[in-house]
Amino acid sequence: MKGGRLLQIANGVIFVLFVSWALLQYNDPDALLWAVAYGVGAMCCLLFFVGRLSPLFGALVATLSLVWALILYYFVISTDQPFTFVDDNVGEMLREAIGLTVVAAWAGVLARIASRKKRMLTS
């Protein structure tokens, strides 16, 4: 399978994942905040798919998501409570941090690829 085709398939799968995560926030107390966070990740996927992802926008999404995730990781690590994936405050923060890390990583990958494509077109 060609590298570009594999990238498009992975991007489609992650797009569906982000949209699913955004929709699953309906019963969360801060649902809008998390729906927007995952929705922006899905928007990066969609913009990349149609060839319109700005490397700057992708890098901004990646950076903000990573900073937000690191803040949550700090709170998880600095608590006195053991952290698990169960429904407690620490577990919820850990799951949110992991989700933001996935958004940051994928937006960063897409931004880097979009930047390379843009450079190749201008060279």
PDB file of N, CA and C in Angstrom:
ATOM      1  N   MET A   1       0.845  -1.179   0.000  1.00  0.00           N
ATOM      2  CA  MET A   1       0.000   0.000   0.000  1.00  0.00           C
ATOM      3  C   MET A   1       0.887   1.237   0.000  1.00  0.00           C
ATOM      4  N   LYS A   2       0.515   2.206  -0.796  1.00  0.00           N
ATOM      5  CA  LYS A   2       1.281   3.428  -0.932  1.00  0.00           C
ATOM      6  C   LYS A   2       1.225   4.256   0.354  1.00  0.00           C
ATOM      7  N   GLY A   3       2.330   4.954   0.673  1.00  0.00           N
ATOM      8  CA  GLY A   3       2.415   5.743   1.895  1.00  0.00           C
ATOM      9  C   GLY A   3       1.333   6.801   1.997  1.00  0.00           C
ATOM     10  N   GLY A   4       1.025   7.471   0.892  1.00  0.00           N
ATOM     11  CA  GLY A   4       0.003   8.503   0.910  1.00  0.00           C
ATOM     12  C   GLY A   4      -1.373   7.926   1.173  1.00  0.00           C
ATOM     13  N   ARG A   5      -1.640   6.784   0.617  1.00  0.00           N
ATOM     14  CA  ARG A   5      -2.933   6.123   0.824  1.00  0.00           C
ATOM     15  C   ARG A   5      -3.083   5.666   2.277  1.00  0.00           C
ATOM     16  N   LEU A   6      -2.009   5.118   2.828  1.00  0.00           N
ATOM     17  CA  LEU A   6      -2.031   4.684   4.223  1.00  0.00           C
ATOM     18  C   LEU A   6      -2.255   5.887   5.146  1.00  0.00           C
ATOM     19  N   LEU A   7      -1.637   7.012   4.827  1.00  0.00           N
ATOM     20  CA  LEU A   7      -1.831   8.229   5.614  1.00  0.00           C
ATOM     21  C   LEU A   7      -3.287   8.687   5.549  1.00  0.00           C
ATOM     22  N   GLN A   8      -3.890   8.631   4.381  1.00  0.00           N
ATOM     23  CA  GLN A   8      -5.287   9.045   4.250  1.00  0.00           C
ATOM     24  C   GLN A   8      -6.220   8.116   5.032  1.00  0.00           C
ATOM     25  N   ILE A   9      -5.925   6.832   5.027  1.00  0.00           N
ATOM     26  CA  ILE A   9      -6.739   5.882   5.799  1.00  0.00           C
ATOM     27  C   ILE A   9      -6.589   6.164   7.289  1.00  0.00           C
ATOM     28  N   ALA A  10      -5.355   6.337   7.751  1.00  0.00           N
ATOM     29  CA  ALA A  10      -5.124   6.642   9.171  1.00  0.00           C
ATOM     30  C   ALA A  10      -5.808   7.950   9.550  1.00  0.00           C
ATOM     31  N   ASN A  11      -5.730   8.946   8.680  1.00  0.00           N
ATOM     32  CA  ASN A  11      -6.370  10.226   8.947  1.00  0.00           C
ATOM     33  C   ASN A  11      -7.886  10.062   9.047  1.00  0.00           C
ATOM     34  N   GLY A  12      -8.462   9.245   8.187  1.00  0.00           N
ATOM     35  CA  GLY A  12      -9.900   8.995   8.241  1.00  0.00           C
ATOM     36  C   GLY A  12     -10.319   8.288   9.516  1.00  0.00           C
ATOM     37  N   VAL A  13      -9.529   7.310   9.926  1.00  0.00           N
ATOM     38  CA  VAL A  13      -9.832   6.579  11.161  1.00  0.00           C
ATOM     39  C   VAL A  13      -9.745   7.522  12.366  1.00  0.00           C
ATOM     40  N   ILE A  14      -8.723   8.341  12.401  1.00  0.00           N
ATOM     41  CA  ILE A  14      -8.561   9.264  13.527  1.00  0.00           C
ATOM     42  C   ILE A  14      -9.632  10.349  13.493  1.00  0.00           C
ATOM     43  N   PHE A  15     -10.042  10.775  12.300  1.00  0.00           N
ATOM     44  CA  PHE A  15     -11.161  11.722  12.189  1.00  0.00           C
ATOM     45  C   PHE A  15     -12.411  11.138  12.846  1.00  0.00           C
ATOM     46  N   VAL A  16     -12.737   9.884  12.512  1.00  0.00           N
ATOM     47  CA  VAL A  16     -13.907   9.223  13.101  1.00  0.00           C
ATOM     48  C   VAL A  16     -13.736   9.105  14.619  1.00  0.00           C
ATOM     49  N   LEU A  17     -12.533   8.800  15.070  1.00  0.00           N
ATOM     50  CA  LEU A  17     -12.255   8.703  16.497  1.00  0.00           C
ATOM     51  C   LEU A  17     -12.516  10.044  17.195  1.00  0.00           C
ATOM     52  N   PHE A  18     -11.999  11.132  16.641  1.00  0.00           N
ATOM     53  CA  PHE A  18     -12.190  12.447  17.250  1.00  0.00           C
ATOM     54  C   PHE A  18     -13.663  12.856  17.255  1.00  0.00           C
ATOM     55  N   VAL A  19     -14.365  12.602  16.169  1.00  0.00           N
ATOM     56  CA  VAL A  19     -15.795  12.935  16.122  1.00  0.00           C
ATOM     57  C   VAL A  19     -16.546  12.107  17.165  1.00  0.00           C
ATOM     58  N   SER A  20     -16.201  10.835  17.284  1.00  0.00           N
ATOM     59  CA  SER A  20     -16.840   9.972  18.286  1.00  0.00           C
ATOM     60  C   SER A  20     -16.580  10.493  19.692  1.00  0.00           C
ATOM     61  N   TRP A  21     -15.331  10.867  19.963  1.00  0.00           N
ATOM     62  CA  TRP A  21     -14.999  11.393  21.285  1.00  0.00           C
ATOM     63  C   TRP A  21     -15.767  12.678  21.561  1.00  0.00           C
ATOM     64  N   ALA A  22     -15.909  13.525  20.553  1.00  0.00           N
ATOM     65  CA  ALA A  22     -16.658  14.777  20.737  1.00  0.00           C
ATOM     66  C   ALA A  22     -18.125  14.484  21.049  1.00  0.00           C
ATOM     67  N   LEU A  23     -18.705  13.523  20.338  1.00  0.00           N
ATOM     68  CA  LEU A  23     -20.112  13.181  20.553  1.00  0.00           C
ATOM     69  C   LEU A  23     -20.341  12.510  21.902  1.00  0.00           C
ATOM     70  N   LEU A  24     -19.366  11.772  22.385  1.00  0.00           N
ATOM     71  CA  LEU A  24     -19.509  11.074  23.662  1.00  0.00           C
ATOM     72  C   LEU A  24     -19.440  12.013  24.865  1.00  0.00           C
ATOM     73  N   GLN A  25     -19.199  13.270  24.634  1.00  0.00           N
ATOM     74  CA  GLN A  25     -19.114  14.235  25.730  1.00  0.00           C
ATOM     75  C   GLN A  25     -20.473  14.746  26.188  1.00  0.00           C
ATOM     76  N   TYR A  26     -21.560  14.292  25.565  1.00  0.00           N
ATOM     77  CA  TYR A  26     -22.891  14.841  25.820  1.00  0.00           C
ATOM     78  C   TYR A  26     -23.289  14.841  27.294  1.00  0.00           C
ATOM     79  N   ASN A  27     -22.822  13.899  28.081  1.00  0.00           N
ATOM     80  CA  ASN A  27     -23.234  13.834  29.490  1.00  0.00           C
ATOM     81  C   ASN A  27     -22.164  14.353  30.458  1.00  0.00           C
ATOM     82  N   ASP A  28     -21.116  14.931  29.927  1.00  0.00           N
ATOM     83  CA  ASP A  28     -20.035  15.470  30.754  1.00  0.00           C
ATOM     84  C   ASP A  28     -20.427  16.858  31.268  1.00  0.00           C
ATOM     85  N   PRO A  29     -20.074  17.199  32.505  1.00  0.00           N
ATOM     86  CA  PRO A  29     -20.413  18.533  33.012  1.00  0.00           C
ATOM     87  C   PRO A  29     -19.792  19.662  32.192  1.00  0.00           C
ATOM     88  N   ASP A  30     -18.591  19.440  31.637  1.00  0.00           N
ATOM     89  CA  ASP A  30     -17.956  20.442  30.787  1.00  0.00           C
ATOM     90  C   ASP A  30     -17.895  19.945  29.336  1.00  0.00           C
ATOM     91  N   ALA A  31     -19.041  19.472  28.867  1.00  0.00           N
ATOM     92  CA  ALA A  31     -19.131  18.828  27.552  1.00  0.00           C
ATOM     93  C   ALA A  31     -18.705  19.733  26.411  1.00  0.00           C
ATOM     94  N   LEU A  32     -19.116  20.972  26.441  1.00  0.00           N
ATOM     95  CA  LEU A  32     -18.807  21.879  25.331  1.00  0.00           C
ATOM     96  C   LEU A  32     -17.302  22.070  25.169  1.00  0.00           C
ATOM     97  N   LEU A  33     -16.616  22.220  26.267  1.00  0.00           N
ATOM     98  CA  LEU A  33     -15.172  22.399  26.241  1.00  0.00           C
ATOM     99  C   LEU A  33     -14.476  21.224  25.554  1.00  0.00           C
ATOM    100  N   TRP A  34     -14.856  20.000  25.947  1.00  0.00           N
ATOM    101  CA  TRP A  34     -14.205  18.819  25.389  1.00  0.00           C
ATOM    102  C   TRP A  34     -14.684  18.519  23.980  1.00  0.00           C
ATOM    103  N   ALA A  35     -15.934  18.803  23.680  1.00  0.00           N
ATOM    104  CA  ALA A  35     -16.424  18.624  22.312  1.00  0.00           C
ATOM    105  C   ALA A  35     -15.671  19.548  21.359  1.00  0.00           C
ATOM    106  N   VAL A  36     -15.394  20.755  21.804  1.00  0.00           N
ATOM    107  CA  VAL A  36     -14.618  21.687  20.976  1.00  0.00           C
ATOM    108  C   VAL A  36     -13.182  21.191  20.822  1.00  0.00           C
ATOM    109  N   ALA A  37     -12.580  20.718  21.904  1.00  0.00           N
ATOM    110  CA  ALA A  37     -11.193  20.227  21.833  1.00  0.00           C
ATOM    111  C   ALA A  37     -11.065  19.090  20.822  1.00  0.00           C
ATOM    112  N   TYR A  38     -11.965  18.125  20.890  1.00  0.00           N
ATOM    113  CA  TYR A  38     -11.911  17.009  19.939  1.00  0.00           C
ATOM    114  C   TYR A  38     -12.418  17.431  18.558  1.00  0.00           C
ATOM    115  N   GLY A  39     -13.341  18.370  18.528  1.00  0.00           N
ATOM    116  CA  GLY A  39     -13.834  18.882  17.255  1.00  0.00           C
ATOM    117  C   GLY A  39     -12.752  19.611  16.466  1.00  0.00           C
ATOM    118  N   VAL A  40     -11.905  20.336  17.158  1.00  0.00           N
ATOM    119  CA  VAL A  40     -10.793  21.016  16.486  1.00  0.00           C
ATOM    120  C   VAL A  40      -9.810  19.982  15.933  1.00  0.00           C
ATOM    121  N   GLY A  41      -9.588  18.917  16.675  1.00  0.00           N
ATOM    122  CA  GLY A  41      -8.747  17.835  16.154  1.00  0.00           C
ATOM    123  C   GLY A  41      -9.346  17.220  14.904  1.00  0.00           C
ATOM    124  N   ALA A  42     -10.676  17.002  14.923  1.00  0.00           N
ATOM    125  CA  ALA A  42     -11.360  16.466  13.742  1.00  0.00           C
ATOM    126  C   ALA A  42     -11.282  17.448  12.586  1.00  0.00           C
ATOM    127  N   MET A  43     -11.361  18.746  12.887  1.00  0.00           N
ATOM    128  CA  MET A  43     -11.271  19.758  11.834  1.00  0.00           C
ATOM    129  C   MET A  43      -9.890  19.720  11.171  1.00  0.00           C
ATOM    130  N   CYS A  44      -8.844  19.502  11.951  1.00  0.00           N
ATOM    131  CA  CYS A  44      -7.503  19.366  11.374  1.00  0.00           C
ATOM    132  C   CYS A  44      -7.456  18.195  10.395  1.00  0.00           C
ATOM    133  N   CYS A  45      -8.071  17.086  10.783  1.00  0.00           N
ATOM    134  CA  CYS A  45      -8.114  15.912   9.907  1.00  0.00           C
ATOM    135  C   CYS A  45      -8.846  16.236   8.604  1.00  0.00           C
ATOM    136  N   LEU A  46      -9.983  16.885   8.736  1.00  0.00           N
ATOM    137  CA  LEU A  46     -10.789  17.217   7.561  1.00  0.00           C
ATOM    138  C   LEU A  46     -10.056  18.206   6.651  1.00  0.00           C
ATOM    139  N   LEU A  47      -9.466  19.239   7.231  1.00  0.00           N
ATOM    140  CA  LEU A  47      -8.724  20.209   6.433  1.00  0.00           C
ATOM    141  C   LEU A  47      -7.531  19.554   5.736  1.00  0.00           C
ATOM    142  N   PHE A  48      -6.861  18.644   6.403  1.00  0.00           N
ATOM    143  CA  PHE A  48      -5.750  17.933   5.781  1.00  0.00           C
ATOM    144  C   PHE A  48      -6.239  17.084   4.621  1.00  0.00           C
ATOM    145  N   PHE A  49      -7.369  16.422   4.813  1.00  0.00           N
ATOM    146  CA  PHE A  49      -7.928  15.556   3.775  1.00  0.00           C
ATOM    147  C   PHE A  49      -8.216  16.330   2.494  1.00  0.00           C
ATOM    148  N   VAL A  50      -8.734  17.538   2.634  1.00  0.00           N
ATOM    149  CA  VAL A  50      -9.057  18.343   1.443  1.00  0.00           C
ATOM    150  C   VAL A  50      -7.879  19.203   0.994  1.00  0.00           C
ATOM    151  N   GLY A  51      -6.733  19.071   1.664  1.00  0.00           N
ATOM    152  CA  GLY A  51      -5.535  19.791   1.250  1.00  0.00           C
ATOM    153  C   GLY A  51      -5.507  21.250   1.667  1.00  0.00           C
ATOM    154  N   ARG A  52      -6.253  21.606   2.702  1.00  0.00           N
ATOM    155  CA  ARG A  52      -6.351  23.002   3.124  1.00  0.00           C
ATOM    156  C   ARG A  52      -5.838  23.250   4.547  1.00  0.00           C
ATOM    157  N   LEU A  53      -5.154  22.288   5.137  1.00  0.00           N
ATOM    158  CA  LEU A  53      -4.642  22.486   6.493  1.00  0.00           C
ATOM    159  C   LEU A  53      -3.439  23.410   6.454  1.00  0.00           C
ATOM    160  N   SER A  54      -3.550  24.526   7.146  1.00  0.00           N
ATOM    161  CA  SER A  54      -2.418  25.438   7.297  1.00  0.00           C
ATOM    162  C   SER A  54      -1.452  24.829   8.300  1.00  0.00           C
ATOM    163  N   PRO A  55      -0.163  24.741   7.935  1.00  0.00           N
ATOM    164  CA  PRO A  55       0.805  24.203   8.900  1.00  0.00           C
ATOM    165  C   PRO A  55       0.800  24.991  10.210  1.00  0.00           C
ATOM    166  N   LEU A  56       0.580  26.285  10.130  1.00  0.00           N
ATOM    167  CA  LEU A  56       0.540  27.115  11.332  1.00  0.00           C
ATOM    168  C   LEU A  56      -0.650  26.750  12.218  1.00  0.00           C
ATOM    169  N   PHE A  57      -1.816  26.549  11.603  1.00  0.00           N
ATOM    170  CA  PHE A  57      -2.998  26.163  12.379  1.00  0.00           C
ATOM    171  C   PHE A  57      -2.790  24.802  13.035  1.00  0.00           C
ATOM    172  N   GLY A  58      -2.280  23.841  12.275  1.00  0.00           N
ATOM    173  CA  GLY A  58      -2.015  22.511  12.834  1.00  0.00           C
ATOM    174  C   GLY A  58      -1.020  22.560  13.976  1.00  0.00           C
ATOM    175  N   ALA A  59       0.031  23.359  13.810  1.00  0.00           N
ATOM    176  CA  ALA A  59       1.036  23.488  14.862  1.00  0.00           C
ATOM    177  C   ALA A  59       0.450  24.177  16.093  1.00  0.00           C
ATOM    178  N   LEU A  60      -0.418  25.154  15.880  1.00  0.00           N
ATOM    179  CA  LEU A  60      -1.065  25.840  16.999  1.00  0.00           C
ATOM    180  C   LEU A  60      -1.964  24.883  17.782  1.00  0.00           C
ATOM    181  N   VAL A  61      -2.754  24.085  17.064  1.00  0.00           N
ATOM    182  CA  VAL A  61      -3.616  23.094  17.722  1.00  0.00           C
ATOM    183  C   VAL A  61      -2.757  22.094  18.497  1.00  0.00           C
ATOM    184  N   ALA A  62      -1.689  21.629  17.875  1.00  0.00           N
ATOM    185  CA  ALA A  62      -0.810  20.664  18.540  1.00  0.00           C
ATOM    186  C   ALA A  62      -0.185  21.261  19.798  1.00  0.00           C
ATOM    187  N   THR A  63       0.295  22.474  19.698  1.00  0.00           N
ATOM    188  CA  THR A  63       0.957  23.116  20.834  1.00  0.00           C
ATOM    189  C   THR A  63      -0.008  23.365  21.985  1.00  0.00           C
ATOM    190  N   LEU A  64      -1.165  23.946  21.684  1.00  0.00           N
ATOM    191  CA  LEU A  64      -2.137  24.236  22.739  1.00  0.00           C
ATOM    192  C   LEU A  64      -2.644  22.954  23.395  1.00  0.00           C
ATOM    193  N   SER A  65      -2.889  21.927  22.595  1.00  0.00           N
ATOM    194  CA  SER A  65      -3.346  20.646  23.152  1.00  0.00           C
ATOM    195  C   SER A  65      -2.280  20.017  24.038  1.00  0.00           C
ATOM    196  N   LEU A  66      -1.035  20.104  23.600  1.00  0.00           N
ATOM    197  CA  LEU A  66       0.054  19.522  24.387  1.00  0.00           C
ATOM    198  C   LEU A  66       0.242  20.273  25.710  1.00  0.00           C
ATOM    199  N   VAL A  67       0.204  21.586  25.670  1.00  0.00           N
ATOM    200  CA  VAL A  67       0.351  22.370  26.903  1.00  0.00           C
ATOM    201  C   VAL A  67      -0.783  22.042  27.871  1.00  0.00           C
ATOM    202  N   TRP A  68      -1.994  21.987  27.350  1.00  0.00           N
ATOM    203  CA  TRP A  68      -3.166  21.660  28.177  1.00  0.00           C
ATOM    204  C   TRP A  68      -3.003  20.264  28.784  1.00  0.00           C
ATOM    205  N   ALA A  69      -2.551  19.303  27.961  1.00  0.00           N
ATOM    206  CA  ALA A  69      -2.347  17.932  28.450  1.00  0.00           C
ATOM    207  C   ALA A  69      -1.275  17.897  29.534  1.00  0.00           C
ATOM    208  N   LEU A  70      -0.190  18.629  29.332  1.00  0.00           N
ATOM    209  CA  LEU A  70       0.884  18.635  30.331  1.00  0.00           C
ATOM    210  C   LEU A  70       0.415  19.212  31.665  1.00  0.00           C
ATOM    211  N   ILE A  71      -0.438  20.228  31.600  1.00  0.00           N
ATOM    212  CA  ILE A  71      -1.001  20.788  32.833  1.00  0.00           C
ATOM    213  C   ILE A  71      -1.831  19.723  33.557  1.00  0.00           C
ATOM    214  N   LEU A  72      -2.649  18.999  32.802  1.00  0.00           N
ATOM    215  CA  LEU A  72      -3.464  17.943  33.414  1.00  0.00           C
ATOM    216  C   LEU A  72      -2.587  16.821  33.966  1.00  0.00           C
ATOM    217  N   TYR A  73      -1.544  16.436  33.202  1.00  0.00           N
ATOM    218  CA  TYR A  73      -0.622  15.409  33.710  1.00  0.00           C
ATOM    219  C   TYR A  73       0.024  15.862  35.018  1.00  0.00           C
ATOM    220  N   TYR A  74       0.383  17.135  35.105  1.00  0.00           N
ATOM    221  CA  TYR A  74       0.978  17.653  36.335  1.00  0.00           C
ATOM    222  C   TYR A  74       0.026  17.464  37.514  1.00  0.00           C
ATOM    223  N   PHE A  75      -1.253  17.804  37.320  1.00  0.00           N
ATOM    224  CA  PHE A  75      -2.214  17.647  38.402  1.00  0.00           C
ATOM    225  C   PHE A  75      -2.421  16.174  38.769  1.00  0.00           C
ATOM    226  N   VAL A  76      -2.393  15.307  37.779  1.00  0.00           N
ATOM    227  CA  VAL A  76      -2.544  13.868  38.043  1.00  0.00           C
ATOM    228  C   VAL A  76      -1.358  13.353  38.853  1.00  0.00           C
ATOM    229  N   ILE A  77      -0.165  13.753  38.455  1.00  0.00           N
ATOM    230  CA  ILE A  77       1.042  13.255  39.113  1.00  0.00           C
ATOM    231  C   ILE A  77       1.209  13.855  40.507  1.00  0.00           C
ATOM    232  N   SER A  78       0.797  15.105  40.686  1.00  0.00           N
ATOM    233  CA  SER A  78       1.035  15.778  41.962  1.00  0.00           C
ATOM    234  C   SER A  78      -0.029  15.494  43.017  1.00  0.00           C
ATOM    235  N   THR A  79      -1.052  14.734  42.690  1.00  0.00           N
ATOM    236  CA  THR A  79      -2.084  14.427  43.673  1.00  0.00           C
ATOM    237  C   THR A  79      -1.621  13.325  44.625  1.00  0.00           C
ATOM    238  N   ASP A  80      -2.221  13.300  45.777  1.00  0.00           N
ATOM    239  CA  ASP A  80      -1.908  12.256  46.754  1.00  0.00           C
ATOM    240  C   ASP A  80      -2.676  10.971  46.475  1.00  0.00           C
ATOM    241  N   GLN A  81      -3.720  11.077  45.653  1.00  0.00           N
ATOM    242  CA  GLN A  81      -4.553   9.912  45.358  1.00  0.00           C
ATOM    243  C   GLN A  81      -3.885   9.058  44.284  1.00  0.00           C
ATOM    244  N   PRO A  82      -4.059   7.746  44.360  1.00  0.00           N
ATOM    245  CA  PRO A  82      -3.562   6.903  43.264  1.00  0.00           C
ATOM    246  C   PRO A  82      -4.409   7.152  42.022  1.00  0.00           C
ATOM    247  N   PHE A  83      -3.786   7.120  40.862  1.00  0.00           N
ATOM    248  CA  PHE A  83      -4.573   7.376  39.671  1.00  0.00           C
ATOM    249  C   PHE A  83      -4.851   6.095  38.911  1.00  0.00           C
ATOM    250  N   THR A  84      -6.098   5.987  38.514  1.00  0.00           N
ATOM    251  CA  THR A  84      -6.581   4.855  37.735  1.00  0.00           C
ATOM    252  C   THR A  84      -7.500   5.393  36.659  1.00  0.00           C
ATOM    253  N   PHE A  85      -8.043   4.516  35.851  1.00  0.00           N
ATOM    254  CA  PHE A  85      -8.973   4.933  34.806  1.00  0.00           C
ATOM    255  C   PHE A  85     -10.424   4.903  35.275  1.00  0.00           C
ATOM    256  N   VAL A  86     -10.665   4.665  36.542  1.00  0.00           N
ATOM    257  CA  VAL A  86     -12.042   4.635  37.043  1.00  0.00           C
ATOM    258  C   VAL A  86     -12.590   6.043  37.137  1.00  0.00           C
ATOM    259  N   ASP A  87     -13.893   6.150  37.385  1.00  0.00           N
ATOM    260  CA  ASP A  87     -14.550   7.446  37.370  1.00  0.00           C
ATOM    261  C   ASP A  87     -14.349   8.230  38.661  1.00  0.00           C
ATOM    262  N   ASP A  88     -13.160   8.694  38.880  1.00  0.00           N
ATOM    263  CA  ASP A  88     -12.909   9.656  39.940  1.00  0.00           C
ATOM    264  C   ASP A  88     -12.257  10.873  39.280  1.00  0.00           C
ATOM    265  N   ASN A  89     -12.003  11.908  40.040  1.00  0.00           N
ATOM    266  CA  ASN A  89     -11.447  13.131  39.455  1.00  0.00           C
ATOM    267  C   ASN A  89     -10.087  12.916  38.825  1.00  0.00           C
ATOM    268  N   VAL A  90      -9.237  12.154  39.481  1.00  0.00           N
ATOM    269  CA  VAL A  90      -7.897  11.916  38.965  1.00  0.00           C
ATOM    270  C   VAL A  90      -7.959  11.062  37.702  1.00  0.00           C
ATOM    271  N   GLY A  91      -8.799  10.045  37.720  1.00  0.00           N
ATOM    272  CA  GLY A  91      -8.962   9.200  36.536  1.00  0.00           C
ATOM    273  C   GLY A  91      -9.499   9.977  35.356  1.00  0.00           C
ATOM    274  N   GLU A  92     -10.450  10.866  35.629  1.00  0.00           N
ATOM    275  CA  GLU A  92     -11.007  11.688  34.552  1.00  0.00           C
ATOM    276  C   GLU A  92      -9.936  12.617  33.975  1.00  0.00           C
ATOM    277  N   MET A  93      -9.150  13.234  34.836  1.00  0.00           N
ATOM    278  CA  MET A  93      -8.076  14.115  34.351  1.00  0.00           C
ATOM    279  C   MET A  93      -7.060  13.335  33.526  1.00  0.00           C
ATOM    280  N   LEU A  94      -6.757  12.116  33.949  1.00  0.00           N
ATOM    281  CA  LEU A  94      -5.800  11.292  33.216  1.00  0.00           C
ATOM    282  C   LEU A  94      -6.345  10.947  31.834  1.00  0.00           C
ATOM    283  N   ARG A  95      -7.607  10.556  31.758  1.00  0.00           N
ATOM    284  CA  ARG A  95      -8.215  10.244  30.453  1.00  0.00           C
ATOM    285  C   ARG A  95      -8.246  11.477  29.558  1.00  0.00           C
ATOM    286  N   GLU A  96      -8.569  12.629  30.127  1.00  0.00           N
ATOM    287  CA  GLU A  96      -8.602  13.862  29.343  1.00  0.00           C
ATOM    288  C   GLU A  96      -7.209  14.221  28.835  1.00  0.00           C
ATOM    289  N   ALA A  97      -6.203  14.043  29.678  1.00  0.00           N
ATOM    290  CA  ALA A  97      -4.827  14.333  29.272  1.00  0.00           C
ATOM    291  C   ALA A  97      -4.384  13.418  28.136  1.00  0.00           C
ATOM    292  N   ILE A  98      -4.764  12.151  28.221  1.00  0.00           N
ATOM    293  CA  ILE A  98      -4.409  11.208  27.145  1.00  0.00           C
ATOM    294  C   ILE A  98      -5.105  11.607  25.850  1.00  0.00           C
ATOM    295  N   GLY A  99      -6.375  11.971  25.925  1.00  0.00           N
ATOM    296  CA  GLY A  99      -7.093  12.422  24.728  1.00  0.00           C
ATOM    297  C   GLY A  99      -6.446  13.643  24.105  1.00  0.00           C
ATOM    298  N   LEU A 100      -6.056  14.606  24.934  1.00  0.00           N
ATOM    299  CA  LEU A 100      -5.387  15.802  24.422  1.00  0.00           C
ATOM    300  C   LEU A 100      -4.021  15.476  23.826  1.00  0.00           C
ATOM    301  N   THR A 101      -3.354  14.491  24.394  1.00  0.00           N
ATOM    302  CA  THR A 101      -2.062  14.066  23.850  1.00  0.00           C
ATOM    303  C   THR A 101      -2.239  13.473  22.455  1.00  0.00           C
ATOM    304  N   VAL A 102      -3.300  12.701  22.270  1.00  0.00           N
ATOM    305  CA  VAL A 102      -3.583  12.135  20.945  1.00  0.00           C
ATOM    306  C   VAL A 102      -3.885  13.266  19.949  1.00  0.00           C
ATOM    307  N   VAL A 103      -4.701  14.239  20.352  1.00  0.00           N
ATOM    308  CA  VAL A 103      -4.997  15.389  19.485  1.00  0.00           C
ATOM    309  C   VAL A 103      -3.702  16.119  19.136  1.00  0.00           C
ATOM    310  N   ALA A 104      -2.873  16.386  20.136  1.00  0.00           N
ATOM    311  CA  ALA A 104      -1.625  17.103  19.908  1.00  0.00           C
ATOM    312  C   ALA A 104      -0.697  16.341  18.960  1.00  0.00           C
ATOM    313  N   ALA A 105      -0.565  15.053  19.189  1.00  0.00           N
ATOM    314  CA  ALA A 105       0.335  14.250  18.358  1.00  0.00           C
ATOM    315  C   ALA A 105      -0.138  14.218  16.908  1.00  0.00           C
ATOM    316  N   TRP A 106      -1.433  13.971  16.695  1.00  0.00           N
ATOM    317  CA  TRP A 106      -1.917  13.848  15.319  1.00  0.00           C
ATOM    318  C   TRP A 106      -1.920  15.203  14.611  1.00  0.00           C
ATOM    319  N   ALA A 107      -2.322  16.255  15.312  1.00  0.00           N
ATOM    320  CA  ALA A 107      -2.287  17.589  14.693  1.00  0.00           C
ATOM    321  C   ALA A 107      -0.851  17.969  14.356  1.00  0.00           C
ATOM    322  N   GLY A 108       0.094  17.593  15.201  1.00  0.00           N
ATOM    323  CA  GLY A 108       1.497  17.860  14.920  1.00  0.00           C
ATOM    324  C   GLY A 108       1.999  17.109  13.703  1.00  0.00           C
ATOM    325  N   VAL A 109       1.616  15.842  13.586  1.00  0.00           N
ATOM    326  CA  VAL A 109       1.999  15.048  12.412  1.00  0.00           C
ATOM    327  C   VAL A 109       1.423  15.670  11.145  1.00  0.00           C
ATOM    328  N   LEU A 110       0.153  16.007  11.180  1.00  0.00           N
ATOM    329  CA  LEU A 110      -0.485  16.601   9.995  1.00  0.00           C
ATOM    330  C   LEU A 110       0.130  17.949   9.646  1.00  0.00           C
ATOM    331  N   ALA A 111       0.439  18.759  10.654  1.00  0.00           N
ATOM    332  CA  ALA A 111       1.059  20.062  10.403  1.00  0.00           C
ATOM    333  C   ALA A 111       2.422  19.897   9.754  1.00  0.00           C
ATOM    334  N   ARG A 112       3.178  18.925  10.233  1.00  0.00           N
ATOM    335  CA  ARG A 112       4.514  18.677   9.662  1.00  0.00           C
ATOM    336  C   ARG A 112       4.417  18.225   8.204  1.00  0.00           C
ATOM    337  N   ILE A 113       3.493  17.332   7.916  1.00  0.00           N
ATOM    338  CA  ILE A 113       3.320  16.855   6.546  1.00  0.00           C
ATOM    339  C   ILE A 113       2.829  17.985   5.653  1.00  0.00           C
ATOM    340  N   ALA A 114       1.891  18.784   6.147  1.00  0.00           N
ATOM    341  CA  ALA A 114       1.381  19.919   5.371  1.00  0.00           C
ATOM    342  C   ALA A 114       2.499  20.924   5.101  1.00  0.00           C
ATOM    343  N   SER A 115       3.377  21.122   6.069  1.00  0.00           N
ATOM    344  CA  SER A 115       4.505  22.036   5.898  1.00  0.00           C
ATOM    345  C   SER A 115       5.460  21.528   4.822  1.00  0.00           C
ATOM    346  N   ARG A 116       5.734  20.232   4.839  1.00  0.00           N
ATOM    347  CA  ARG A 116       6.613  19.636   3.815  1.00  0.00           C
ATOM    348  C   ARG A 116       5.997  19.766   2.425  1.00  0.00           C
ATOM    349  N   LYS A 117       4.699  19.493   2.327  1.00  0.00           N
ATOM    350  CA  LYS A 117       4.023  19.609   1.025  1.00  0.00           C
ATOM    351  C   LYS A 117       4.066  21.045   0.517  1.00  0.00           C
ATOM    352  N   LYS A 118       3.847  21.985   1.425  1.00  0.00           N
ATOM    353  CA  LYS A 118       3.865  23.402   1.049  1.00  0.00           C
ATOM    354  C   LYS A 118       5.255  23.809   0.565  1.00  0.00           C
ATOM    355  N   ARG A 119       6.306  23.342   1.269  1.00  0.00           N
ATOM    356  CA  ARG A 119       7.668  23.645   0.857  1.00  0.00           C
ATOM    357  C   ARG A 119       8.009  23.041  -0.499  1.00  0.00           C
ATOM    358  N   MET A 120       7.517  21.821  -0.745  1.00  0.00           N
ATOM    359  CA  MET A 120       7.782  21.169  -2.034  1.00  0.00           C
ATOM    360  C   MET A 120       7.106  21.919  -3.175  1.00  0.00           C
ATOM    361  N   LEU A 121       5.938  22.467  -2.913  1.00  0.00           N
ATOM    362  CA  LEU A 121       5.215  23.200  -3.959  1.00  0.00           C
ATOM    363  C   LEU A 121       5.860  24.537  -4.262  1.00  0.00           C
ATOM    364  N   THR A 122       6.479  25.166  -3.261  1.00  0.00           N
ATOM    365  CA  THR A 122       7.095  26.474  -3.481  1.00  0.00           C
ATOM    366  C   THR A 122       8.535  26.365  -3.960  1.00  0.00           C
ATOM    367  N   SER A 123       9.116  25.173  -3.916  1.00  0.00           N
ATOM    368  CA  SER A 123      10.514  25.001  -4.353  1.00  0.00           C
ATOM    369  C   SER A 123      10.618  24.889  -5.841  1.00  0.00           C
TER     370      SER A 123
END
